[in-house]
N, C-alpha and C. Protein backbone atom coordinates (compact mmCIF):
# COMPACT_ATOMS: atom_id res chain seq x y z
N MET A 1 1.02 -1.24 -0.16
CA MET A 1 0.07 0.03 -0.03
C MET A 1 0.82 1.19 -0.34
N ASN A 2 0.37 2.25 -1.13
CA ASN A 2 1.34 3.41 -0.76
C ASN A 2 0.80 4.11 0.41
N LEU A 3 1.80 5.43 0.76
CA LEU A 3 1.48 6.21 1.92
C LEU A 3 1.24 7.71 1.38
N ASP A 4 0.17 7.64 1.69
CA ASP A 4 -0.44 8.86 1.13
C ASP A 4 0.49 10.27 1.67
N ALA A 5 0.56 11.40 1.02
CA ALA A 5 1.59 11.93 1.18
C ALA A 5 1.41 13.05 2.34
N ARG A 6 0.21 13.10 2.55
CA ARG A 6 -0.36 14.07 3.84
C ARG A 6 -0.19 13.06 4.89
N VAL A 7 -0.10 12.22 4.83
CA VAL A 7 -0.17 10.96 5.99
C VAL A 7 1.16 11.31 6.39
N GLU A 8 1.98 10.74 5.38
CA GLU A 8 3.41 10.81 5.36
C GLU A 8 4.25 12.50 6.15
N GLU A 9 3.86 13.45 5.65
CA GLU A 9 3.86 14.66 5.91
C GLU A 9 3.90 14.75 7.80
N ALA A 10 2.68 13.98 8.30
CA ALA A 10 2.36 14.44 9.41
C ALA A 10 3.15 13.48 10.35
N VAL A 11 3.14 12.26 9.85
CA VAL A 11 4.20 11.02 10.23
C VAL A 11 5.50 11.78 10.58
N LYS A 12 6.29 12.26 9.55
CA LYS A 12 7.65 12.79 9.37
C LYS A 12 7.19 14.24 10.60
N SER A 13 6.26 14.83 10.55
CA SER A 13 6.39 15.73 11.54
C SER A 13 6.34 15.46 13.06
N LYS A 14 5.91 14.85 13.28
CA LYS A 14 5.74 14.01 14.55
C LYS A 14 7.20 13.49 14.92
N ALA A 15 7.75 12.75 14.18
CA ALA A 15 9.05 11.95 14.18
C ALA A 15 9.60 13.14 14.63
N MET A 16 9.89 14.22 13.95
CA MET A 16 10.99 15.15 13.50
C MET A 16 11.03 15.89 15.08
N GLN A 17 9.22 16.19 15.75
CA GLN A 17 9.50 16.70 17.17
C GLN A 17 10.20 15.74 17.85
N CYS A 18 9.66 14.41 17.99
CA CYS A 18 10.52 13.76 18.85
C CYS A 18 12.30 13.92 18.70
N LEU A 19 12.42 13.52 17.53
CA LEU A 19 14.20 13.39 17.17
C LEU A 19 14.78 14.27 17.29
N GLN A 20 14.07 15.59 17.73
CA GLN A 20 15.16 16.69 17.93
C GLN A 20 15.59 17.02 19.17
N ASN A 21 15.06 16.08 20.48
CA ASN A 21 15.76 15.98 21.27
C ASN A 21 16.19 14.67 21.55
N GLY A 22 16.37 14.09 20.36
CA GLY A 22 17.21 12.83 20.55
C GLY A 22 18.65 12.95 20.61
N ARG A 23 19.50 12.42 19.92
CA ARG A 23 21.22 11.86 20.08
C ARG A 23 21.46 13.42 19.32
N PRO A 24 21.67 14.15 19.69
CA PRO A 24 22.16 15.36 18.94
C PRO A 24 23.35 15.07 17.72
N GLY A 25 23.26 15.63 16.47
CA GLY A 25 23.75 15.61 15.66
C GLY A 25 23.60 14.09 14.69
N PHE A 26 22.81 13.35 15.35
CA PHE A 26 22.75 12.24 14.43
C PHE A 26 21.25 11.59 14.22
N ASP A 27 20.16 11.40 14.93
CA ASP A 27 18.97 11.26 15.05
C ASP A 27 18.25 11.58 13.65
N ILE A 28 18.18 12.82 13.76
CA ILE A 28 17.73 13.74 12.31
C ILE A 28 17.83 12.94 10.96
N PRO A 29 19.15 13.38 11.09
CA PRO A 29 19.93 12.92 9.65
C PRO A 29 19.78 10.92 9.26
N HIS A 30 19.89 10.91 10.49
CA HIS A 30 20.27 8.97 10.33
C HIS A 30 18.61 8.66 9.96
N THR A 31 17.60 9.07 10.57
CA THR A 31 16.18 8.92 10.14
C THR A 31 16.28 9.36 8.63
N LEU A 32 16.42 10.23 8.34
CA LEU A 32 16.11 11.04 7.21
C LEU A 32 16.57 9.90 6.21
N ALA A 33 18.16 9.44 6.54
CA ALA A 33 18.67 8.74 5.44
C ALA A 33 18.14 7.42 5.40
N ALA A 34 17.43 6.80 6.37
CA ALA A 34 16.95 5.65 6.65
C ALA A 34 16.01 5.46 5.45
N VAL A 35 15.24 6.80 5.77
CA VAL A 35 13.89 6.79 4.64
C VAL A 35 13.90 6.67 3.37
N TYR A 36 15.28 7.63 3.51
CA TYR A 36 15.70 6.96 1.62
C TYR A 36 15.75 5.98 1.36
N PHE A 37 16.60 5.20 2.31
CA PHE A 37 16.84 3.49 2.03
C PHE A 37 16.21 2.56 1.70
N MET A 38 14.79 2.92 2.51
CA MET A 38 13.58 2.73 2.74
C MET A 38 13.28 2.22 1.53
N ARG A 39 13.01 3.44 1.02
CA ARG A 39 12.11 3.81 -0.52
C ARG A 39 13.09 2.87 -1.53
N GLU A 40 14.34 2.93 -1.48
CA GLU A 40 15.36 2.21 -2.38
C GLU A 40 14.80 1.20 -2.58
N LEU A 41 14.88 0.18 -1.07
CA LEU A 41 14.55 -1.15 -0.90
C LEU A 41 13.39 -1.72 -1.17
N ILE A 42 12.43 -0.79 -0.71
CA ILE A 42 10.94 -0.99 -1.37
C ILE A 42 10.97 -1.19 -2.80
N LYS A 43 11.37 -0.33 -3.77
CA LYS A 43 11.39 -0.37 -5.31
C LYS A 43 11.93 -1.35 -5.59
N ALA A 44 13.01 -2.06 -5.07
CA ALA A 44 13.70 -3.48 -5.44
C ALA A 44 12.75 -4.27 -5.29
N GLU A 45 12.60 -4.80 -3.83
CA GLU A 45 12.49 -5.82 -2.86
C GLU A 45 11.03 -5.90 -2.54
N GLY A 46 9.88 -4.52 -2.80
CA GLY A 46 8.67 -4.81 -2.44
C GLY A 46 8.41 -4.29 -1.18
N GLY A 47 6.94 -4.21 -0.92
CA GLY A 47 6.74 -3.94 0.56
C GLY A 47 5.69 -2.81 0.48
N ASP A 48 5.03 -3.07 1.98
CA ASP A 48 3.60 -2.07 2.16
C ASP A 48 4.46 -0.74 2.58
N GLU A 49 4.53 0.42 2.04
CA GLU A 49 5.49 1.83 1.99
C GLU A 49 4.74 2.45 3.01
N ARG A 50 3.37 2.14 3.36
CA ARG A 50 2.50 2.94 4.51
C ARG A 50 2.92 2.14 5.68
N ILE A 51 3.61 0.68 6.10
CA ILE A 51 3.89 0.23 7.41
C ILE A 51 5.44 0.38 7.41
N LEU A 52 6.29 0.45 6.44
CA LEU A 52 7.48 0.16 6.43
C LEU A 52 7.92 1.43 6.47
N VAL A 53 7.46 2.81 5.46
CA VAL A 53 8.16 4.09 5.73
C VAL A 53 7.82 4.54 7.17
N THR A 54 6.53 4.72 7.63
CA THR A 54 6.05 4.70 8.80
C THR A 54 6.93 4.31 10.02
N ALA A 55 7.36 3.05 9.90
CA ALA A 55 8.21 2.61 10.81
C ALA A 55 9.62 2.74 10.98
N ILE A 56 9.99 2.99 9.86
CA ILE A 56 11.28 4.10 9.81
C ILE A 56 11.27 5.10 10.35
N TYR A 57 10.57 6.06 9.95
CA TYR A 57 10.28 7.36 10.70
C TYR A 57 10.57 7.52 12.29
N LEU A 58 9.63 6.60 12.57
CA LEU A 58 9.54 6.28 13.79
C LEU A 58 10.31 5.44 14.95
N HIS A 59 11.17 4.60 14.22
CA HIS A 59 12.09 3.77 14.96
C HIS A 59 12.73 4.29 15.89
N ASP A 60 13.27 5.55 16.21
CA ASP A 60 14.44 5.71 17.38
C ASP A 60 13.84 7.08 17.63
N ILE A 61 12.60 7.16 17.62
CA ILE A 61 11.70 8.56 18.74
C ILE A 61 11.80 8.39 20.03
N GLY A 62 12.15 7.29 20.39
CA GLY A 62 12.38 6.71 22.11
C GLY A 62 13.81 7.32 22.62
N TYR A 63 14.69 7.98 21.65
CA TYR A 63 16.14 8.34 22.02
C TYR A 63 15.60 10.22 22.96
N SER A 64 14.64 10.40 22.55
CA SER A 64 14.32 11.72 22.94
C SER A 64 14.22 12.04 24.28
N GLY A 65 15.16 12.95 24.65
CA GLY A 65 15.24 13.64 25.85
C GLY A 65 16.28 11.95 26.57
N GLN A 66 16.59 11.47 26.40
CA GLN A 66 17.43 10.37 26.78
C GLN A 66 19.20 10.53 26.92
N ILE A 67 19.88 11.24 26.05
CA ILE A 67 21.11 11.32 25.42
C ILE A 67 21.24 13.05 25.42
N LYS A 68 22.25 13.24 26.20
CA LYS A 68 22.56 14.74 25.93
C LYS A 68 24.30 15.26 24.79
N ASN A 69 24.10 15.97 24.27
CA ASN A 69 25.59 16.30 23.81
C ASN A 69 26.74 15.90 24.35
N GLY A 70 27.87 15.34 23.73
CA GLY A 70 28.64 14.86 24.18
C GLY A 70 28.76 12.98 24.56
N TYR A 71 27.69 12.64 24.24
CA TYR A 71 27.31 11.30 24.42
C TYR A 71 28.46 10.28 24.22
N SER A 72 28.51 9.23 24.75
CA SER A 72 29.30 8.27 23.99
C SER A 72 28.86 6.87 23.53
N TYR A 73 29.50 6.26 23.04
CA TYR A 73 29.02 5.16 22.45
C TYR A 73 28.50 3.84 23.25
N ASP A 74 29.19 4.10 24.51
CA ASP A 74 28.38 3.10 25.75
C ASP A 74 27.09 3.42 26.08
N GLU A 75 26.98 4.98 26.11
CA GLU A 75 25.24 5.68 26.35
C GLU A 75 24.68 4.95 25.45
N VAL A 76 24.85 5.08 24.09
CA VAL A 76 23.88 4.60 23.43
C VAL A 76 23.31 2.98 23.49
N ILE A 77 24.20 2.20 23.67
CA ILE A 77 24.09 0.72 23.99
C ILE A 77 23.19 0.67 25.48
N GLU A 78 23.79 1.17 26.17
CA GLU A 78 22.90 1.37 27.55
C GLU A 78 21.61 1.53 27.34
N ASN A 79 21.10 2.89 26.57
CA ASN A 79 19.94 2.94 26.27
C ASN A 79 18.96 2.50 25.25
N LYS A 80 19.47 1.34 24.75
CA LYS A 80 18.96 0.60 23.62
C LYS A 80 17.75 0.22 24.07
N LEU A 81 17.69 -0.30 25.18
CA LEU A 81 16.11 -1.15 25.54
C LEU A 81 15.35 0.02 25.82
N ILE A 82 15.57 1.10 26.43
CA ILE A 82 14.93 2.35 26.98
C ILE A 82 14.18 2.76 25.99
N HIS A 83 15.34 3.16 24.89
CA HIS A 83 14.45 3.71 24.12
C HIS A 83 13.76 3.28 23.05
N VAL A 84 13.66 1.92 22.92
CA VAL A 84 12.87 0.70 22.32
C VAL A 84 11.15 1.18 23.28
N GLU A 85 11.09 1.20 24.58
CA GLU A 85 10.07 0.94 25.20
C GLU A 85 9.32 2.30 24.94
N ARG A 86 10.04 3.25 25.31
CA ARG A 86 9.64 4.65 24.97
C ARG A 86 9.11 4.78 23.54
N GLY A 87 9.98 4.54 22.62
CA GLY A 87 9.33 4.87 21.18
C GLY A 87 7.95 3.84 20.71
N VAL A 88 7.90 2.88 21.44
CA VAL A 88 6.88 1.85 21.11
C VAL A 88 5.61 3.14 21.85
N ALA A 89 5.72 3.27 22.85
CA ALA A 89 4.85 3.97 23.69
C ALA A 89 4.22 4.88 22.95
N GLU A 90 5.33 5.89 22.75
CA GLU A 90 4.90 7.40 21.81
C GLU A 90 4.76 6.79 20.49
N ALA A 91 4.87 5.74 19.75
CA ALA A 91 4.56 5.42 18.39
C ALA A 91 3.03 4.83 18.25
N GLU A 92 2.53 4.21 19.56
CA GLU A 92 1.31 3.88 19.43
C GLU A 92 0.47 5.15 19.46
N VAL A 93 0.59 6.41 20.05
CA VAL A 93 -0.02 7.55 20.34
C VAL A 93 -0.43 8.16 19.00
N ILE A 94 1.09 8.48 18.22
CA ILE A 94 1.32 8.71 17.15
C ILE A 94 0.29 8.22 16.09
N LEU A 95 0.47 6.98 16.09
CA LEU A 95 -0.49 6.51 15.03
C LEU A 95 -1.89 6.31 15.44
N THR A 96 -2.20 6.17 16.67
CA THR A 96 -3.56 5.91 16.95
C THR A 96 -4.45 7.58 16.13
N ASP A 97 -3.49 8.33 17.06
CA ASP A 97 -4.08 9.82 16.26
C ASP A 97 -4.08 10.47 14.89
N LEU A 98 -3.21 9.54 14.19
CA LEU A 98 -3.09 10.02 12.74
C LEU A 98 -4.14 8.49 11.87
N GLY A 99 -5.06 8.02 12.88
CA GLY A 99 -5.82 7.59 12.18
C GLY A 99 -5.32 5.81 11.85
N TYR A 100 -4.06 5.48 11.84
CA TYR A 100 -3.78 4.18 11.66
C TYR A 100 -4.84 3.15 12.25
N SER A 101 -4.90 2.25 11.61
CA SER A 101 -5.84 0.76 11.99
C SER A 101 -5.08 0.26 12.81
N PRO A 102 -5.76 -0.67 13.77
CA PRO A 102 -5.51 -1.23 15.06
C PRO A 102 -3.99 -2.27 14.26
N SER A 103 -4.67 -3.45 13.23
CA SER A 103 -3.77 -4.12 12.34
C SER A 103 -2.43 -3.30 12.15
N GLU A 104 -2.12 -2.11 11.82
CA GLU A 104 -1.45 -1.57 11.11
C GLU A 104 -0.35 -0.85 12.23
N ILE A 105 -1.09 -0.37 13.56
CA ILE A 105 -0.36 0.15 14.87
C ILE A 105 0.59 -1.37 15.17
N GLU A 106 -0.42 -2.59 15.36
CA GLU A 106 0.56 -3.56 15.50
C GLU A 106 1.51 -4.00 14.84
N GLU A 107 1.57 -3.76 13.43
CA GLU A 107 2.44 -4.39 12.73
C GLU A 107 3.53 -3.26 12.66
N ILE A 108 3.73 -2.07 12.92
CA ILE A 108 4.38 -0.80 12.82
C ILE A 108 5.15 -0.94 14.36
N VAL A 109 4.40 -1.08 15.41
CA VAL A 109 5.05 -0.80 16.40
C VAL A 109 6.07 -2.49 16.83
N TYR A 110 5.62 -3.76 15.99
CA TYR A 110 6.17 -4.52 16.15
C TYR A 110 7.80 -4.65 15.40
N LEU A 111 8.09 -3.80 14.67
CA LEU A 111 8.55 -3.32 13.51
C LEU A 111 10.17 -2.67 14.51
N ILE A 112 8.87 -1.39 15.33
CA ILE A 112 9.76 -0.54 16.00
C ILE A 112 10.67 -1.10 17.21
N LYS A 113 9.95 -1.81 17.99
CA LYS A 113 9.94 -2.89 18.76
C LYS A 113 11.17 -3.63 18.81
N ASN A 114 11.58 -4.20 17.64
CA ASN A 114 12.69 -5.28 17.42
C ASN A 114 13.61 -4.75 16.78
N HIS A 115 13.44 -3.68 15.93
CA HIS A 115 14.65 -3.25 14.92
C HIS A 115 15.82 -3.34 15.18
N ASP A 116 16.25 -3.29 16.73
CA ASP A 116 17.69 -3.68 16.93
C ASP A 116 17.95 -5.06 17.69
N ASP A 117 17.19 -5.70 17.39
CA ASP A 117 16.89 -7.09 17.90
C ASP A 117 17.50 -8.26 17.57
N PHE A 118 18.82 -8.67 17.31
CA PHE A 118 19.28 -9.57 16.44
C PHE A 118 18.93 -10.68 16.12
N THR A 119 18.68 -11.29 17.57
CA THR A 119 18.06 -12.63 18.08
C THR A 119 16.74 -12.88 16.93
N GLU A 120 15.93 -11.94 17.10
CA GLU A 120 14.57 -11.76 16.66
C GLU A 120 14.87 -11.66 15.18
N LEU A 121 15.69 -10.72 14.59
CA LEU A 121 15.83 -10.89 13.21
C LEU A 121 16.36 -12.23 12.58
N ASP A 122 17.23 -12.96 13.35
CA ASP A 122 17.70 -14.05 12.85
C ASP A 122 16.62 -15.28 12.90
N LYS A 123 15.31 -15.24 13.82
CA LYS A 123 14.48 -16.25 13.10
C LYS A 123 13.43 -16.09 12.57
N ASN A 124 13.28 -14.32 12.14
CA ASN A 124 11.82 -13.88 11.65
C ASN A 124 12.29 -14.18 10.06
N GLU A 125 10.96 -14.65 9.57
CA GLU A 125 11.31 -14.47 8.28
C GLU A 125 10.23 -13.82 7.45
N LYS A 126 10.28 -12.37 8.15
CA LYS A 126 8.91 -11.63 7.41
C LYS A 126 9.90 -10.50 6.81
N LYS A 127 9.61 -10.15 5.24
CA LYS A 127 10.38 -9.19 4.68
C LYS A 127 10.16 -7.99 5.55
N ALA A 128 9.29 -7.49 6.09
CA ALA A 128 9.01 -6.32 6.36
C ALA A 128 10.24 -5.81 7.20
N PHE A 129 10.47 -7.21 8.67
CA PHE A 129 11.64 -7.00 9.58
C PHE A 129 12.69 -6.74 8.77
N GLN A 130 12.88 -7.52 7.62
CA GLN A 130 14.51 -7.64 7.13
C GLN A 130 14.51 -5.96 6.50
N LEU A 131 13.58 -5.47 5.80
CA LEU A 131 13.91 -4.18 5.22
C LEU A 131 13.76 -3.30 6.49
N VAL A 132 13.24 -3.23 7.19
CA VAL A 132 13.29 -2.21 8.57
C VAL A 132 14.91 -2.18 9.10
N PHE A 133 15.36 -3.51 8.99
CA PHE A 133 16.92 -3.57 9.45
C PHE A 133 17.72 -3.20 8.83
N GLU A 134 17.59 -3.25 7.17
CA GLU A 134 18.65 -2.91 6.54
C GLU A 134 18.45 -1.64 6.34
N ALA A 135 17.51 -0.70 6.29
CA ALA A 135 17.12 0.84 6.22
C ALA A 135 17.70 1.82 7.34
N ASP A 136 17.65 0.76 8.65
CA ASP A 136 18.19 1.61 9.31
C ASP A 136 19.78 1.70 9.79
N SER A 137 20.06 0.00 9.35
CA SER A 137 21.60 0.06 9.09
C SER A 137 22.30 0.77 8.37
N LEU A 138 21.84 0.96 7.08
CA LEU A 138 22.52 1.94 5.96
C LEU A 138 22.17 3.28 6.51
N GLY A 139 21.18 3.38 7.11
CA GLY A 139 21.10 5.19 7.41
C GLY A 139 22.55 5.67 8.52
N GLN A 140 22.82 4.33 9.47
CA GLN A 140 23.56 4.37 10.63
C GLN A 140 24.66 4.55 9.60
N LEU A 141 25.21 3.72 8.88
CA LEU A 141 26.51 4.09 7.64
C LEU A 141 26.51 5.63 6.89
N ASP A 142 25.33 5.92 6.78
CA ASP A 142 25.23 6.84 5.85
C ASP A 142 25.36 8.07 6.62
N THR A 143 25.22 8.35 7.57
CA THR A 143 25.19 9.65 8.39
C THR A 143 26.49 9.66 8.97
N PRO A 144 27.02 10.63 8.92
CA PRO A 144 28.23 11.54 9.72
C PRO A 144 28.39 10.71 10.97
N PRO A 145 29.32 10.03 11.46
CA PRO A 145 29.24 9.67 13.01
C PRO A 145 29.55 10.60 14.06
N THR A 146 29.33 10.45 15.26
CA THR A 146 29.13 11.74 16.23
C THR A 146 30.18 11.12 17.21
N PHE A 147 30.59 10.04 16.88
CA PHE A 147 31.79 9.39 17.37
C PHE A 147 33.00 9.65 16.71
N LYS A 148 33.98 9.36 17.54
CA LYS A 148 35.79 9.66 17.16
C LYS A 148 36.50 8.82 17.66
N GLY A 149 37.71 8.72 16.71
CA GLY A 149 38.51 7.91 17.78
C GLY A 149 37.92 6.71 17.84
N LYS A 150 38.68 6.41 19.29
CA LYS A 150 38.34 4.94 19.46
C LYS A 150 37.04 4.31 19.75
N GLN A 151 36.34 5.57 19.89
CA GLN A 151 34.47 4.97 20.03
C GLN A 151 34.13 4.98 18.94
N TYR A 152 34.62 5.48 17.67
CA TYR A 152 34.18 5.33 16.12
C TYR A 152 34.18 3.67 15.71
N ALA A 153 35.84 3.40 16.34
CA ALA A 153 36.43 2.37 15.75
C ALA A 153 35.57 1.06 16.41
N GLU A 154 35.15 1.16 17.61
CA GLU A 154 34.21 0.37 18.40
C GLU A 154 32.86 0.42 17.96
N ALA A 155 32.63 1.18 17.38
CA ALA A 155 31.11 1.19 16.85
C ALA A 155 31.06 0.79 15.50
N PHE A 156 32.37 1.02 14.70
CA PHE A 156 31.94 0.20 13.15
C PHE A 156 32.64 -0.95 13.80
N ALA A 157 33.45 -1.83 14.50
CA ALA A 157 33.65 -2.90 14.52
C ALA A 157 32.16 -3.65 14.84
N ASN A 158 31.41 -3.10 16.01
CA ASN A 158 30.14 -3.77 15.92
C ASN A 158 29.09 -3.97 14.80
N PHE A 159 29.54 -2.69 13.88
CA PHE A 159 28.68 -2.87 13.02
C PHE A 159 28.71 -4.01 12.20
N GLU A 160 30.37 -4.13 11.71
CA GLU A 160 30.49 -5.15 10.88
C GLU A 160 30.44 -6.59 11.10
N GLU A 161 30.68 -6.82 12.93
CA GLU A 161 30.25 -7.84 13.01
C GLU A 161 28.90 -8.63 13.05
N LYS A 162 28.23 -7.53 13.61
CA LYS A 162 26.50 -7.94 14.01
C LYS A 162 25.72 -8.01 12.79
N ARG A 163 25.86 -6.41 12.19
CA ARG A 163 25.10 -5.63 10.98
C ARG A 163 25.13 -6.41 9.69
N VAL A 164 26.39 -6.41 9.21
CA VAL A 164 26.80 -6.69 8.10
C VAL A 164 26.35 -8.04 7.64
N PRO A 165 26.99 -9.26 8.23
CA PRO A 165 26.49 -10.66 7.90
C PRO A 165 24.95 -10.77 7.92
N ARG A 166 24.34 -10.10 8.61
CA ARG A 166 22.71 -10.34 8.35
C ARG A 166 21.99 -9.57 7.03
N PHE A 167 22.21 -8.72 6.41
CA PHE A 167 22.05 -7.96 5.11
C PHE A 167 21.60 -9.69 4.08
N LYS A 168 20.45 -9.42 3.81
CA LYS A 168 20.01 -10.46 2.92
C LYS A 168 19.37 -10.14 1.59
N THR A 169 18.98 -9.06 1.38
CA THR A 169 18.31 -8.51 0.16
C THR A 169 19.28 -8.07 -0.86
N ALA A 170 19.17 -8.51 -2.39
CA ALA A 170 20.31 -7.92 -3.08
C ALA A 170 20.31 -6.42 -2.79
N ARG A 171 19.66 -5.76 -3.06
CA ARG A 171 19.66 -4.06 -3.22
C ARG A 171 20.31 -3.54 -1.97
N GLY A 172 19.92 -4.59 -0.73
CA GLY A 172 20.79 -3.75 0.33
C GLY A 172 21.73 -4.01 0.63
N LYS A 173 22.50 -5.40 0.08
CA LYS A 173 23.70 -5.62 -0.38
C LYS A 173 24.72 -4.83 -0.90
N GLN A 174 23.81 -4.50 -2.18
CA GLN A 174 24.35 -3.55 -3.42
C GLN A 174 24.47 -1.68 -2.47
N LEU A 175 23.51 -1.74 -1.86
CA LEU A 175 23.69 -0.10 -1.02
C LEU A 175 24.75 0.03 -0.15
N LEU A 176 25.05 -1.55 0.59
CA LEU A 176 25.80 -1.40 1.75
C LEU A 176 27.61 -1.21 0.98
N GLU A 177 27.92 -1.96 0.53
CA GLU A 177 29.24 -1.96 -0.13
C GLU A 177 29.80 -0.41 -0.47
N PRO A 178 29.43 0.22 -0.74
CA PRO A 178 30.23 1.81 -1.14
C PRO A 178 30.05 2.48 0.26
N LEU A 179 29.14 2.15 1.12
CA LEU A 179 28.81 2.74 2.57
C LEU A 179 29.72 2.30 3.13
N LEU A 180 30.08 0.80 3.25
CA LEU A 180 31.46 0.58 4.07
C LEU A 180 32.44 0.77 3.90
N GLU A 181 32.61 1.04 2.62
CA GLU A 181 34.09 1.59 1.90
C GLU A 181 34.22 2.87 2.68
N ASN A 182 33.39 3.92 2.51
CA ASN A 182 33.36 5.30 3.54
C ASN A 182 33.29 4.99 4.83
N ALA A 183 32.80 4.33 5.24
CA ALA A 183 33.26 4.17 6.92
C ALA A 183 34.25 3.74 6.93
N ARG A 184 34.97 2.50 6.56
CA ARG A 184 36.46 2.33 6.69
C ARG A 184 37.38 3.48 6.38
N GLN A 185 37.01 4.39 5.77
CA GLN A 185 37.97 5.49 5.34
C GLN A 185 38.08 6.61 6.62
N ARG A 186 36.95 6.28 7.31
CA ARG A 186 37.02 7.63 8.67
C ARG A 186 37.76 6.97 9.56
N LEU A 187 38.48 5.62 9.52
CA LEU A 187 39.04 5.15 10.61
C LEU A 187 40.49 5.51 11.07
């Protein structure tokens, strides 16, 4: 299903309101990059734009108010579960207010709740779940890092170890290669 432009603008607006109070210098550009990559993945792999684009706009809204300037990689890792719980609660309110159906809300919330859960990703066969994972991962690589030096090296090593092997779609793998090369040059 296509995502109506007016609905998308409303979702984007709500997401940006939350993200402006998220990880400084990262959450907004990361989310916009992830939306771009989601559209690229949908073009090549198919999928419900209304569910997938909405989920990717909202996937990190739970970082709002959690992390301040000068945050470390360890702080992000420590806040992963909290950001999911807060993001799910906020997304349910946003989606209800915007008139999404209960079944749409359930699917979008599931995608948000599990977007960083590698165990769930490894056992889940749903294409939507894979596309959210890949769009989020591509958006991470495409966004200028806020970590420097040793912290960036640690974050990138974690990405290469845990995320890269989990790419499954042809288009996702194609988009991944130049982003990995650029990221390696930052080391």
